[in-house]
Amino acid sequence: MRDVFVTRLVEEAEQDERINLITGDLGFGVLHRFWDRFPARFLNAGVAEQLMTGVATGLAMEGRIVCTYSIANFPTLRCLEQIRNDAAYHDANVKVVAIGGGFSYGALGMSHHATEDLAILRALPQVTVFAPGCDWEAQECTSAMLRQPGVCYLRLDKSTAGITGRPGETFEVGVPRTLREGSALTLITCGGILGEVLGAADMLARDGIAVRVLSIPTLKPLRSEQIIAAARETDGILTVEEHVLTGGLGSTIAEVLMDVGVQPRRFLRLGISGGYSSIVGSQEYLRRRHGLDASSIATRARALLAE
């Protein structure tokens, strides 16, 4: 997703001279495509992410559209006060780009596990939250983010579901995407774990269980129509997120349904529970350990339908 983001960013910057990029001293293997083309619009702030966010806000207040870029926890949690007080409060066009969502940097331990970011960023007023699950969503979220007024958060994953965009499909901020049709159950997800969810849907289909799959590339704002329809038309909802259960995707879906008084027949949230991960390993390994791989998701879906 990182490469897709940079490619689309360069394309957008060719058309809009307001677009700037600031990195927290990383990403040079891919960001060179931007700074080679636009050296006056690129800045390395060093390992000083709070300063990076402050500088980005200042540039945005002068009419620029500024992307900050670093490994997920650092441009978000380390800079939370600057995002809240400096950028969001002033509706500045600061676009916080985080690479390594979820367990993408699993081998580096909990300091690099981005597993609370969605809950925290979506709680901030006037912040749009993007969490693409495939390369098509990543490029479309990049363009949408640059056009969306105010602060945006773009959570990019190391993993990707490939390209799920269909010919003629258009991306709309806040609108879920239906990637599979079915009535047995609805699987709802966001982020790179979409690939595992689609794998689980394929496993269930081989057993004669047709599930609906909704991808949520925009967690905030979020249109409710497809979610309400899923609750009414299928036998239950199973949310899947590479994120803590508190305040993330599952909580968002529950809020959407409860706010309008719609109760699904069954409801289950899959995510990270039980505190910080004390184990390290690849993203795939940590997904298996936390029951978030395709096989585990399919097993939990079967059990939910059996209730």
C-alpha atoms as a PDB file:
ATOM      1  CA  MET A   1       0.000   0.000   0.000  1.00  0.00           C
ATOM      2  CA  ARG A   2       2.923   2.328   0.707  1.00  0.00           C
ATOM      3  CA  ASP A   3       4.072   2.219  -2.931  1.00  0.00           C
ATOM      4  CA  VAL A   4       0.521   2.771  -4.156  1.00  0.00           C
ATOM      5  CA  PHE A   5       0.207   5.797  -1.875  1.00  0.00           C
ATOM      6  CA  VAL A   6       3.441   7.388  -3.099  1.00  0.00           C
ATOM      7  CA  THR A   7       2.570   6.809  -6.748  1.00  0.00           C
ATOM      8  CA  ARG A   8      -0.842   8.424  -6.363  1.00  0.00           C
ATOM      9  CA  LEU A   9       0.610  11.267  -4.235  1.00  0.00           C
ATOM     10  CA  VAL A  10       3.091  12.153  -6.985  1.00  0.00           C
ATOM     11  CA  GLU A  11       0.292  12.096  -9.560  1.00  0.00           C
ATOM     12  CA  GLU A  12      -1.837  14.399  -7.430  1.00  0.00           C
ATOM     13  CA  ALA A  13       1.106  16.722  -6.712  1.00  0.00           C
ATOM     14  CA  GLU A  14       1.660  17.122 -10.454  1.00  0.00           C
ATOM     15  CA  GLN A  15      -1.805  18.672 -10.597  1.00  0.00           C
ATOM     16  CA  ASP A  16      -1.800  20.634  -7.318  1.00  0.00           C
ATOM     17  CA  GLU A  17       1.237  22.641  -6.282  1.00  0.00           C
ATOM     18  CA  ARG A  18      -0.129  23.036  -2.757  1.00  0.00           C
ATOM     19  CA  ILE A  19       0.692  19.405  -1.884  1.00  0.00           C
ATOM     20  CA  ASN A  20       3.703  18.990   0.432  1.00  0.00           C
ATOM     21  CA  LEU A  21       5.240  15.964   2.163  1.00  0.00           C
ATOM     22  CA  ILE A  22       7.117  15.804   5.478  1.00  0.00           C
ATOM     23  CA  THR A  23       8.725  12.595   6.733  1.00  0.00           C
ATOM     24  CA  GLY A  24       9.929  11.670  10.187  1.00  0.00           C
ATOM     25  CA  ASP A  25      13.294  10.425   8.873  1.00  0.00           C
ATOM     26  CA  LEU A  26      12.189   7.285   7.065  1.00  0.00           C
ATOM     27  CA  GLY A  27      10.698   5.986   3.847  1.00  0.00           C
ATOM     28  CA  PHE A  28      13.537   7.143   1.623  1.00  0.00           C
ATOM     29  CA  GLY A  29      13.351   3.982  -0.479  1.00  0.00           C
ATOM     30  CA  VAL A  30       9.990   5.103  -1.872  1.00  0.00           C
ATOM     31  CA  LEU A  31       9.683   8.803  -1.049  1.00  0.00           C
ATOM     32  CA  HIS A  32      12.510   9.701  -3.428  1.00  0.00           C
ATOM     33  CA  ARG A  33       9.923   9.655  -6.189  1.00  0.00           C
ATOM     34  CA  PHE A  34       8.298  12.651  -4.550  1.00  0.00           C
ATOM     35  CA  TRP A  35      11.364  14.635  -3.528  1.00  0.00           C
ATOM     36  CA  ASP A  36      13.158  14.075  -6.856  1.00  0.00           C
ATOM     37  CA  ARG A  37      10.184  15.646  -8.588  1.00  0.00           C
ATOM     38  CA  PHE A  38       9.268  18.278  -5.975  1.00  0.00           C
ATOM     39  CA  PRO A  39      12.362  19.044  -3.849  1.00  0.00           C
ATOM     40  CA  ALA A  40      10.958  22.376  -2.654  1.00  0.00           C
ATOM     41  CA  ARG A  41       7.852  20.634  -1.346  1.00  0.00           C
ATOM     42  CA  PHE A  42       9.608  17.884   0.619  1.00  0.00           C
ATOM     43  CA  LEU A  43      11.037  18.100   4.135  1.00  0.00           C
ATOM     44  CA  ASN A  44      12.729  15.586   6.422  1.00  0.00           C
ATOM     45  CA  ALA A  45      11.887  16.681   9.962  1.00  0.00           C
ATOM     46  CA  GLY A  46      14.121  14.047  11.522  1.00  0.00           C
ATOM     47  CA  VAL A  47      13.079  11.846  14.429  1.00  0.00           C
ATOM     48  CA  ALA A  48      10.912  14.672  15.752  1.00  0.00           C
ATOM     49  CA  GLU A  49       7.344  13.764  14.910  1.00  0.00           C
ATOM     50  CA  GLN A  50       5.729  16.375  17.158  1.00  0.00           C
ATOM     51  CA  LEU A  51       7.791  19.075  15.428  1.00  0.00           C
ATOM     52  CA  MET A  52       6.834  17.525  12.080  1.00  0.00           C
ATOM     53  CA  THR A  53       3.149  17.928  12.913  1.00  0.00           C
ATOM     54  CA  GLY A  54       3.603  21.492  14.107  1.00  0.00           C
ATOM     55  CA  VAL A  55       5.466  22.452  10.944  1.00  0.00           C
ATOM     56  CA  ALA A  56       2.803  20.749   8.836  1.00  0.00           C
ATOM     57  CA  THR A  57       0.091  22.757  10.591  1.00  0.00           C
ATOM     58  CA  GLY A  58       1.949  26.005  10.008  1.00  0.00           C
ATOM     59  CA  LEU A  59       2.334  25.255   6.311  1.00  0.00           C
ATOM     60  CA  ALA A  60      -1.322  24.232   6.081  1.00  0.00           C
ATOM     61  CA  MET A  61      -2.386  27.488   7.714  1.00  0.00           C
ATOM     62  CA  GLU A  62      -0.547  29.247   4.870  1.00  0.00           C
ATOM     63  CA  GLY A  63      -2.598  27.434   2.238  1.00  0.00           C
ATOM     64  CA  ARG A  64      -0.692  24.187   1.717  1.00  0.00           C
ATOM     65  CA  ILE A  65      -1.976  20.594   1.826  1.00  0.00           C
ATOM     66  CA  VAL A  66       0.611  18.780   3.937  1.00  0.00           C
ATOM     67  CA  CYS A  67       1.111  15.039   4.425  1.00  0.00           C
ATOM     68  CA  THR A  68       3.069  13.828   7.430  1.00  0.00           C
ATOM     69  CA  TYR A  69       4.554  10.342   7.104  1.00  0.00           C
ATOM     70  CA  SER A  70       5.936   7.799   9.549  1.00  0.00           C
ATOM     71  CA  ILE A  71       5.426   4.351  11.083  1.00  0.00           C
ATOM     72  CA  ALA A  72       1.893   4.199  12.453  1.00  0.00           C
ATOM     73  CA  ASN A  73       2.316   4.902  16.162  1.00  0.00           C
ATOM     74  CA  PHE A  74       4.718   7.792  15.739  1.00  0.00           C
ATOM     75  CA  PRO A  75       2.771  10.319  13.613  1.00  0.00           C
ATOM     76  CA  THR A  76      -0.374   9.545  15.660  1.00  0.00           C
ATOM     77  CA  LEU A  77       0.084   8.682  19.331  1.00  0.00           C
ATOM     78  CA  ARG A  78       3.344  10.587  19.781  1.00  0.00           C
ATOM     79  CA  CYS A  79       1.760  13.618  18.096  1.00  0.00           C
ATOM     80  CA  LEU A  80      -1.731  13.396  19.528  1.00  0.00           C
ATOM     81  CA  GLU A  81      -1.639  16.797  21.237  1.00  0.00           C
ATOM     82  CA  GLN A  82      -0.333  18.500  18.102  1.00  0.00           C
ATOM     83  CA  ILE A  83      -2.948  16.785  15.918  1.00  0.00           C
ATOM     84  CA  ARG A  84      -5.717  17.776  18.340  1.00  0.00           C
ATOM     85  CA  ASN A  85      -4.717  21.278  19.416  1.00  0.00           C
ATOM     86  CA  ASP A  86      -2.809  22.560  16.408  1.00  0.00           C
ATOM     87  CA  ALA A  87      -4.237  20.855  13.341  1.00  0.00           C
ATOM     88  CA  ALA A  88      -7.770  19.614  14.069  1.00  0.00           C
ATOM     89  CA  TYR A  89      -8.874  22.565  16.188  1.00  0.00           C
ATOM     90  CA  HIS A  90      -7.939  24.898  13.336  1.00  0.00           C
ATOM     91  CA  ASP A  91      -9.289  22.647  10.548  1.00  0.00           C
ATOM     92  CA  ALA A  92      -5.842  22.687   8.981  1.00  0.00           C
ATOM     93  CA  ASN A  93      -5.242  20.642   5.847  1.00  0.00           C
ATOM     94  CA  VAL A  94      -2.860  18.220   7.562  1.00  0.00           C
ATOM     95  CA  LYS A  95      -2.999  14.643   6.275  1.00  0.00           C
ATOM     96  CA  VAL A  96      -1.486  12.166   8.743  1.00  0.00           C
ATOM     97  CA  VAL A  97      -0.188   9.166   6.799  1.00  0.00           C
ATOM     98  CA  ALA A  98       0.755   6.113   8.846  1.00  0.00           C
ATOM     99  CA  ILE A  99       2.444   3.070   7.378  1.00  0.00           C
ATOM    100  CA  GLY A 100       2.350  -0.225   9.239  1.00  0.00           C
ATOM    101  CA  GLY A 101      -1.224  -0.495  10.497  1.00  0.00           C
ATOM    102  CA  GLY A 102      -2.048  -3.319  12.903  1.00  0.00           C
ATOM    103  CA  PHE A 103       0.719  -5.921  13.200  1.00  0.00           C
ATOM    104  CA  SER A 104       2.574  -4.836  10.050  1.00  0.00           C
ATOM    105  CA  TYR A 105       5.726  -4.261  12.116  1.00  0.00           C
ATOM    106  CA  GLY A 106       4.966  -7.241  14.328  1.00  0.00           C
ATOM    107  CA  ALA A 107       8.579  -8.344  14.792  1.00  0.00           C
ATOM    108  CA  LEU A 108       9.501  -4.993  16.388  1.00  0.00           C
ATOM    109  CA  GLY A 109       7.178  -5.450  19.359  1.00  0.00           C
ATOM    110  CA  MET A 110       4.312  -3.495  20.888  1.00  0.00           C
ATOM    111  CA  SER A 111       5.986  -0.110  20.428  1.00  0.00           C
ATOM    112  CA  HIS A 112       5.451  -0.606  16.688  1.00  0.00           C
ATOM    113  CA  HIS A 113       2.049  -2.337  16.829  1.00  0.00           C
ATOM    114  CA  ALA A 114      -0.597   0.136  15.640  1.00  0.00           C
ATOM    115  CA  THR A 115      -3.577  -1.389  17.411  1.00  0.00           C
ATOM    116  CA  GLU A 116      -5.284   1.559  19.139  1.00  0.00           C
ATOM    117  CA  ASP A 117      -4.915   4.256  16.490  1.00  0.00           C
ATOM    118  CA  LEU A 118      -8.333   4.021  14.842  1.00  0.00           C
ATOM    119  CA  ALA A 119     -10.201   4.381  18.128  1.00  0.00           C
ATOM    120  CA  ILE A 120      -8.114   7.361  19.196  1.00  0.00           C
ATOM    121  CA  LEU A 121      -8.148   9.250  15.896  1.00  0.00           C
ATOM    122  CA  ARG A 122     -11.853   8.737  15.236  1.00  0.00           C
ATOM    123  CA  ALA A 123     -12.601  10.221  18.660  1.00  0.00           C
ATOM    124  CA  LEU A 124     -11.116  13.549  17.607  1.00  0.00           C
ATOM    125  CA  PRO A 125     -13.664  16.017  16.214  1.00  0.00           C
ATOM    126  CA  GLN A 126     -13.153  17.186  12.640  1.00  0.00           C
ATOM    127  CA  VAL A 127     -10.839  14.294  11.688  1.00  0.00           C
ATOM    128  CA  THR A 128     -11.606  11.991   8.743  1.00  0.00           C
ATOM    129  CA  VAL A 129     -10.297   8.428   9.180  1.00  0.00           C
ATOM    130  CA  PHE A 130      -9.330   6.215   6.224  1.00  0.00           C
ATOM    131  CA  ALA A 131      -8.293   2.553   6.550  1.00  0.00           C
ATOM    132  CA  PRO A 132      -7.999   1.010   3.066  1.00  0.00           C
ATOM    133  CA  GLY A 133      -7.897  -2.749   2.688  1.00  0.00           C
ATOM    134  CA  CYS A 134      -6.556  -3.147  -0.848  1.00  0.00           C
ATOM    135  CA  ASP A 135      -4.403  -1.310  -3.376  1.00  0.00           C
ATOM    136  CA  TRP A 136      -7.415   0.172  -5.163  1.00  0.00           C
ATOM    137  CA  GLU A 137      -8.810   1.514  -1.897  1.00  0.00           C
ATOM    138  CA  ALA A 138      -5.382   2.860  -0.940  1.00  0.00           C
ATOM    139  CA  GLN A 139      -5.016   4.926  -4.102  1.00  0.00           C
ATOM    140  CA  GLU A 140      -8.606   6.146  -3.954  1.00  0.00           C
ATOM    141  CA  CYS A 141      -8.305   7.043  -0.261  1.00  0.00           C
ATOM    142  CA  THR A 142      -5.140   8.995  -1.065  1.00  0.00           C
ATOM    143  CA  SER A 143      -6.923  11.134  -3.645  1.00  0.00           C
ATOM    144  CA  ALA A 144      -9.990  11.550  -1.428  1.00  0.00           C
ATOM    145  CA  MET A 145      -7.836  12.550   1.540  1.00  0.00           C
ATOM    146  CA  LEU A 146      -6.121  15.302  -0.429  1.00  0.00           C
ATOM    147  CA  ARG A 147      -9.489  16.732  -1.455  1.00  0.00           C
ATOM    148  CA  GLN A 148     -11.178  16.331   1.928  1.00  0.00           C
ATOM    149  CA  PRO A 149     -11.063  19.558   3.970  1.00  0.00           C
ATOM    150  CA  GLY A 150      -9.310  19.524   7.322  1.00  0.00           C
ATOM    151  CA  VAL A 151      -7.320  16.826   9.105  1.00  0.00           C
ATOM    152  CA  CYS A 152      -7.358  13.293   7.708  1.00  0.00           C
ATOM    153  CA  TYR A 153      -5.772  10.087   8.935  1.00  0.00           C
ATOM    154  CA  LEU A 154      -4.688   7.506   6.350  1.00  0.00           C
ATOM    155  CA  ARG A 155      -3.802   4.136   7.885  1.00  0.00           C
ATOM    156  CA  LEU A 156      -1.786   2.055   5.430  1.00  0.00           C
ATOM    157  CA  ASP A 157      -1.052  -1.626   5.952  1.00  0.00           C
ATOM    158  CA  LYS A 158       1.870  -3.803   4.964  1.00  0.00           C
ATOM    159  CA  SER A 159      -0.599  -6.423   3.763  1.00  0.00           C
ATOM    160  CA  THR A 160      -3.204  -5.873   1.069  1.00  0.00           C
ATOM    161  CA  ALA A 161      -6.110  -7.706  -0.488  1.00  0.00           C
ATOM    162  CA  GLY A 162      -4.673  -6.835  -3.899  1.00  0.00           C
ATOM    163  CA  ILE A 163      -6.999  -4.909  -6.191  1.00  0.00           C
ATOM    164  CA  THR A 164     -10.707  -5.286  -5.458  1.00  0.00           C
ATOM    165  CA  GLY A 165     -11.913  -2.328  -7.500  1.00  0.00           C
ATOM    166  CA  ARG A 166     -14.282  -3.211 -10.326  1.00  0.00           C
ATOM    167  CA  PRO A 167     -14.549  -1.578 -13.777  1.00  0.00           C
ATOM    168  CA  GLY A 168     -16.453   1.659 -13.512  1.00  0.00           C
ATOM    169  CA  GLU A 169     -16.500   1.681  -9.715  1.00  0.00           C
ATOM    170  CA  THR A 170     -16.216   5.077  -8.074  1.00  0.00           C
ATOM    171  CA  PHE A 171     -14.988   5.739  -4.553  1.00  0.00           C
ATOM    172  CA  GLU A 172     -17.098   7.787  -2.155  1.00  0.00           C
ATOM    173  CA  VAL A 173     -15.922   9.006   1.242  1.00  0.00           C
ATOM    174  CA  GLY A 174     -17.890   7.291   3.991  1.00  0.00           C
ATOM    175  CA  VAL A 175     -19.560   4.688   1.770  1.00  0.00           C
ATOM    176  CA  PRO A 176     -18.945   0.958   2.481  1.00  0.00           C
ATOM    177  CA  ARG A 177     -18.141  -1.367  -0.409  1.00  0.00           C
ATOM    178  CA  THR A 178     -19.974  -4.667  -0.915  1.00  0.00           C
ATOM    179  CA  LEU A 179     -17.390  -7.181  -2.157  1.00  0.00           C
ATOM    180  CA  ARG A 180     -19.370 -10.405  -1.706  1.00  0.00           C
ATOM    181  CA  GLU A 181     -23.100 -11.045  -1.710  1.00  0.00           C
ATOM    182  CA  GLY A 182     -24.813 -13.455   0.655  1.00  0.00           C
ATOM    183  CA  SER A 183     -27.527 -13.838   3.255  1.00  0.00           C
ATOM    184  CA  ALA A 184     -26.052 -16.259   5.785  1.00  0.00           C
ATOM    185  CA  LEU A 185     -23.924 -13.666   7.590  1.00  0.00           C
ATOM    186  CA  THR A 186     -22.258 -10.314   6.940  1.00  0.00           C
ATOM    187  CA  LEU A 187     -18.515  -9.977   7.484  1.00  0.00           C
ATOM    188  CA  ILE A 188     -17.508  -6.328   7.961  1.00  0.00           C
ATOM    189  CA  THR A 189     -13.869  -5.263   7.995  1.00  0.00           C
ATOM    190  CA  CYS A 190     -11.404  -2.437   7.376  1.00  0.00           C
ATOM    191  CA  GLY A 191      -7.691  -2.308   6.687  1.00  0.00           C
ATOM    192  CA  GLY A 192      -5.324  -4.863   5.202  1.00  0.00           C
ATOM    193  CA  ILE A 193      -6.976  -7.733   7.042  1.00  0.00           C
ATOM    194  CA  LEU A 194      -9.582  -7.537   4.286  1.00  0.00           C
ATOM    195  CA  GLY A 195      -7.537 -10.203   2.503  1.00  0.00           C
ATOM    196  CA  GLU A 196      -8.053 -12.635   5.391  1.00  0.00           C
ATOM    197  CA  VAL A 197     -11.771 -11.854   5.476  1.00  0.00           C
ATOM    198  CA  LEU A 198     -12.153 -12.529   1.750  1.00  0.00           C
ATOM    199  CA  GLY A 199     -10.226 -15.763   2.265  1.00  0.00           C
ATOM    200  CA  ALA A 200     -12.627 -16.735   5.049  1.00  0.00           C
ATOM    201  CA  ALA A 201     -15.593 -15.920   2.800  1.00  0.00           C
ATOM    202  CA  ASP A 202     -14.173 -18.229   0.126  1.00  0.00           C
ATOM    203  CA  MET A 203     -13.744 -21.034   2.691  1.00  0.00           C
ATOM    204  CA  LEU A 204     -17.334 -20.619   3.834  1.00  0.00           C
ATOM    205  CA  ALA A 205     -18.575 -20.583   0.237  1.00  0.00           C
ATOM    206  CA  ARG A 206     -16.970 -23.984  -0.330  1.00  0.00           C
ATOM    207  CA  ASP A 207     -19.143 -25.221   2.555  1.00  0.00           C
ATOM    208  CA  GLY A 208     -22.243 -23.770   0.936  1.00  0.00           C
ATOM    209  CA  ILE A 209     -22.366 -20.743   3.270  1.00  0.00           C
ATOM    210  CA  ALA A 210     -22.801 -17.528   1.270  1.00  0.00           C
ATOM    211  CA  VAL A 211     -21.695 -14.525   3.316  1.00  0.00           C
ATOM    212  CA  ARG A 212     -21.869 -10.852   2.490  1.00  0.00           C
ATOM    213  CA  VAL A 213     -18.582  -8.946   2.815  1.00  0.00           C
ATOM    214  CA  LEU A 214     -18.474  -5.209   3.460  1.00  0.00           C
ATOM    215  CA  SER A 215     -15.205  -3.307   3.297  1.00  0.00           C
ATOM    216  CA  ILE A 216     -15.091  -0.027   5.220  1.00  0.00           C
ATOM    217  CA  PRO A 217     -12.272   2.091   3.758  1.00  0.00           C
ATOM    218  CA  THR A 218     -13.613   5.201   5.523  1.00  0.00           C
ATOM    219  CA  LEU A 219     -14.232   4.615   9.210  1.00  0.00           C
ATOM    220  CA  LYS A 220     -15.236   8.220   9.825  1.00  0.00           C
ATOM    221  CA  PRO A 221     -17.550   9.561   8.476  1.00  0.00           C
ATOM    222  CA  LEU A 222     -19.538   6.390   7.793  1.00  0.00           C
ATOM    223  CA  ARG A 223     -22.786   6.073   5.874  1.00  0.00           C
ATOM    224  CA  SER A 224     -25.204   3.670   7.528  1.00  0.00           C
ATOM    225  CA  GLU A 225     -27.488   2.403   4.765  1.00  0.00           C
ATOM    226  CA  GLN A 226     -25.539  -0.725   3.774  1.00  0.00           C
ATOM    227  CA  ILE A 227     -24.821  -1.606   7.398  1.00  0.00           C
ATOM    228  CA  ILE A 228     -28.493  -1.338   8.363  1.00  0.00           C
ATOM    229  CA  ALA A 229     -29.449  -3.413   5.310  1.00  0.00           C
ATOM    230  CA  ALA A 230     -26.936  -6.088   6.295  1.00  0.00           C
ATOM    231  CA  ALA A 231     -28.378  -6.285   9.804  1.00  0.00           C
ATOM    232  CA  ARG A 232     -31.893  -6.697   8.418  1.00  0.00           C
ATOM    233  CA  GLU A 233     -31.177  -8.956   5.448  1.00  0.00           C
ATOM    234  CA  THR A 234     -28.595 -11.426   6.781  1.00  0.00           C
ATOM    235  CA  ASP A 235     -28.506 -13.767   9.768  1.00  0.00           C
ATOM    236  CA  GLY A 236     -25.947 -11.752  11.681  1.00  0.00           C
ATOM    237  CA  ILE A 237     -22.914  -9.482  11.628  1.00  0.00           C
ATOM    238  CA  LEU A 238     -19.311 -10.426  12.326  1.00  0.00           C
ATOM    239  CA  THR A 239     -16.810  -7.563  12.427  1.00  0.00           C
ATOM    240  CA  VAL A 240     -13.093  -8.232  11.928  1.00  0.00           C
ATOM    241  CA  GLU A 241     -10.345  -5.733  12.727  1.00  0.00           C
ATOM    242  CA  GLU A 242      -6.591  -5.804  13.343  1.00  0.00           C
ATOM    243  CA  HIS A 243      -7.110  -3.433  16.241  1.00  0.00           C
ATOM    244  CA  VAL A 244      -8.227  -3.562  19.863  1.00  0.00           C
ATOM    245  CA  LEU A 245     -11.931  -4.210  20.292  1.00  0.00           C
ATOM    246  CA  THR A 246     -12.490  -1.034  22.287  1.00  0.00           C
ATOM    247  CA  GLY A 247     -13.494   1.871  20.087  1.00  0.00           C
ATOM    248  CA  GLY A 248     -12.539   0.425  16.717  1.00  0.00           C
ATOM    249  CA  LEU A 249     -14.511  -0.941  13.787  1.00  0.00           C
ATOM    250  CA  GLY A 250     -16.770  -3.246  15.799  1.00  0.00           C
ATOM    251  CA  SER A 251     -17.657  -0.449  18.183  1.00  0.00           C
ATOM    252  CA  THR A 252     -18.387   1.841  15.241  1.00  0.00           C
ATOM    253  CA  ILE A 253     -20.748  -0.679  13.629  1.00  0.00           C
ATOM    254  CA  ALA A 254     -22.533  -1.268  16.948  1.00  0.00           C
ATOM    255  CA  GLU A 255     -22.970   2.494  17.375  1.00  0.00           C
ATOM    256  CA  VAL A 256     -24.409   2.847  13.866  1.00  0.00           C
ATOM    257  CA  LEU A 257     -26.998   0.126  14.485  1.00  0.00           C
ATOM    258  CA  MET A 258     -27.950   1.049  18.030  1.00  0.00           C
ATOM    259  CA  ASP A 259     -28.358   4.715  17.116  1.00  0.00           C
ATOM    260  CA  VAL A 260     -31.181   3.782  14.752  1.00  0.00           C
ATOM    261  CA  GLY A 261     -32.597   0.956  16.861  1.00  0.00           C
ATOM    262  CA  VAL A 262     -31.664  -1.890  14.507  1.00  0.00           C
ATOM    263  CA  GLN A 263     -30.584  -5.108  16.205  1.00  0.00           C
ATOM    264  CA  PRO A 264     -29.012  -7.869  14.109  1.00  0.00           C
ATOM    265  CA  ARG A 265     -29.988 -11.467  14.813  1.00  0.00           C
ATOM    266  CA  ARG A 266     -26.410 -12.204  15.858  1.00  0.00           C
ATOM    267  CA  PHE A 267     -23.464  -9.895  16.491  1.00  0.00           C
ATOM    268  CA  LEU A 268     -19.800 -10.665  17.215  1.00  0.00           C
ATOM    269  CA  ARG A 269     -16.645  -8.554  17.143  1.00  0.00           C
ATOM    270  CA  LEU A 270     -13.294 -10.151  16.310  1.00  0.00           C
ATOM    271  CA  GLY A 271     -10.178  -8.180  17.153  1.00  0.00           C
ATOM    272  CA  ILE A 272      -7.408  -7.916  19.704  1.00  0.00           C
ATOM    273  CA  SER A 273      -8.381  -8.468  23.319  1.00  0.00           C
ATOM    274  CA  GLY A 274      -6.580  -9.258  26.538  1.00  0.00           C
ATOM    275  CA  GLY A 275      -4.103  -6.403  26.677  1.00  0.00           C
ATOM    276  CA  TYR A 276      -0.888  -5.673  24.817  1.00  0.00           C
ATOM    277  CA  SER A 277       0.654  -8.432  22.749  1.00  0.00           C
ATOM    278  CA  SER A 278       3.616  -9.933  24.593  1.00  0.00           C
ATOM    279  CA  ILE A 279       4.710 -11.929  21.562  1.00  0.00           C
ATOM    280  CA  VAL A 280       6.500 -10.814  18.417  1.00  0.00           C
ATOM    281  CA  GLY A 281       6.659 -12.204  14.927  1.00  0.00           C
ATOM    282  CA  SER A 282       5.484 -11.604  11.413  1.00  0.00           C
ATOM    283  CA  GLN A 283       2.088 -10.066  10.737  1.00  0.00           C
ATOM    284  CA  GLU A 284       0.817 -13.438   9.543  1.00  0.00           C
ATOM    285  CA  TYR A 285       2.057 -15.173  12.703  1.00  0.00           C
ATOM    286  CA  LEU A 286       0.468 -12.619  15.027  1.00  0.00           C
ATOM    287  CA  ARG A 287      -2.828 -12.821  13.149  1.00  0.00           C
ATOM    288  CA  ARG A 288      -2.888 -16.568  13.712  1.00  0.00           C
ATOM    289  CA  ARG A 289      -2.031 -16.179  17.394  1.00  0.00           C
ATOM    290  CA  HIS A 290      -4.880 -13.688  17.842  1.00  0.00           C
ATOM    291  CA  GLY A 291      -7.400 -15.678  15.806  1.00  0.00           C
ATOM    292  CA  LEU A 292      -7.506 -13.191  12.939  1.00  0.00           C
ATOM    293  CA  ASP A 293      -6.366 -15.373  10.050  1.00  0.00           C
ATOM    294  CA  ALA A 294      -8.789 -16.601   7.389  1.00  0.00           C
ATOM    295  CA  SER A 295      -9.216 -20.066   8.884  1.00  0.00           C
ATOM    296  CA  SER A 296      -9.946 -18.713  12.368  1.00  0.00           C
ATOM    297  CA  ILE A 297     -12.421 -16.155  11.009  1.00  0.00           C
ATOM    298  CA  ALA A 298     -14.270 -18.860   9.082  1.00  0.00           C
ATOM    299  CA  THR A 299     -14.408 -21.046  12.203  1.00  0.00           C
ATOM    300  CA  ARG A 300     -15.842 -18.230  14.291  1.00  0.00           C
ATOM    301  CA  ALA A 301     -18.392 -17.471  11.563  1.00  0.00           C
ATOM    302  CA  ARG A 302     -19.592 -21.078  11.529  1.00  0.00           C
ATOM    303  CA  ALA A 303     -19.894 -21.064  15.326  1.00  0.00           C
ATOM    304  CA  LEU A 304     -21.836 -17.808  15.272  1.00  0.00           C
ATOM    305  CA  LEU A 305     -24.306 -19.189  12.744  1.00  0.00           C
ATOM    306  CA  ALA A 306     -24.762 -22.300  14.899  1.00  0.00           C
ATOM    307  CA  GLU A 307     -25.884 -20.281  17.930  1.00  0.00           C
END
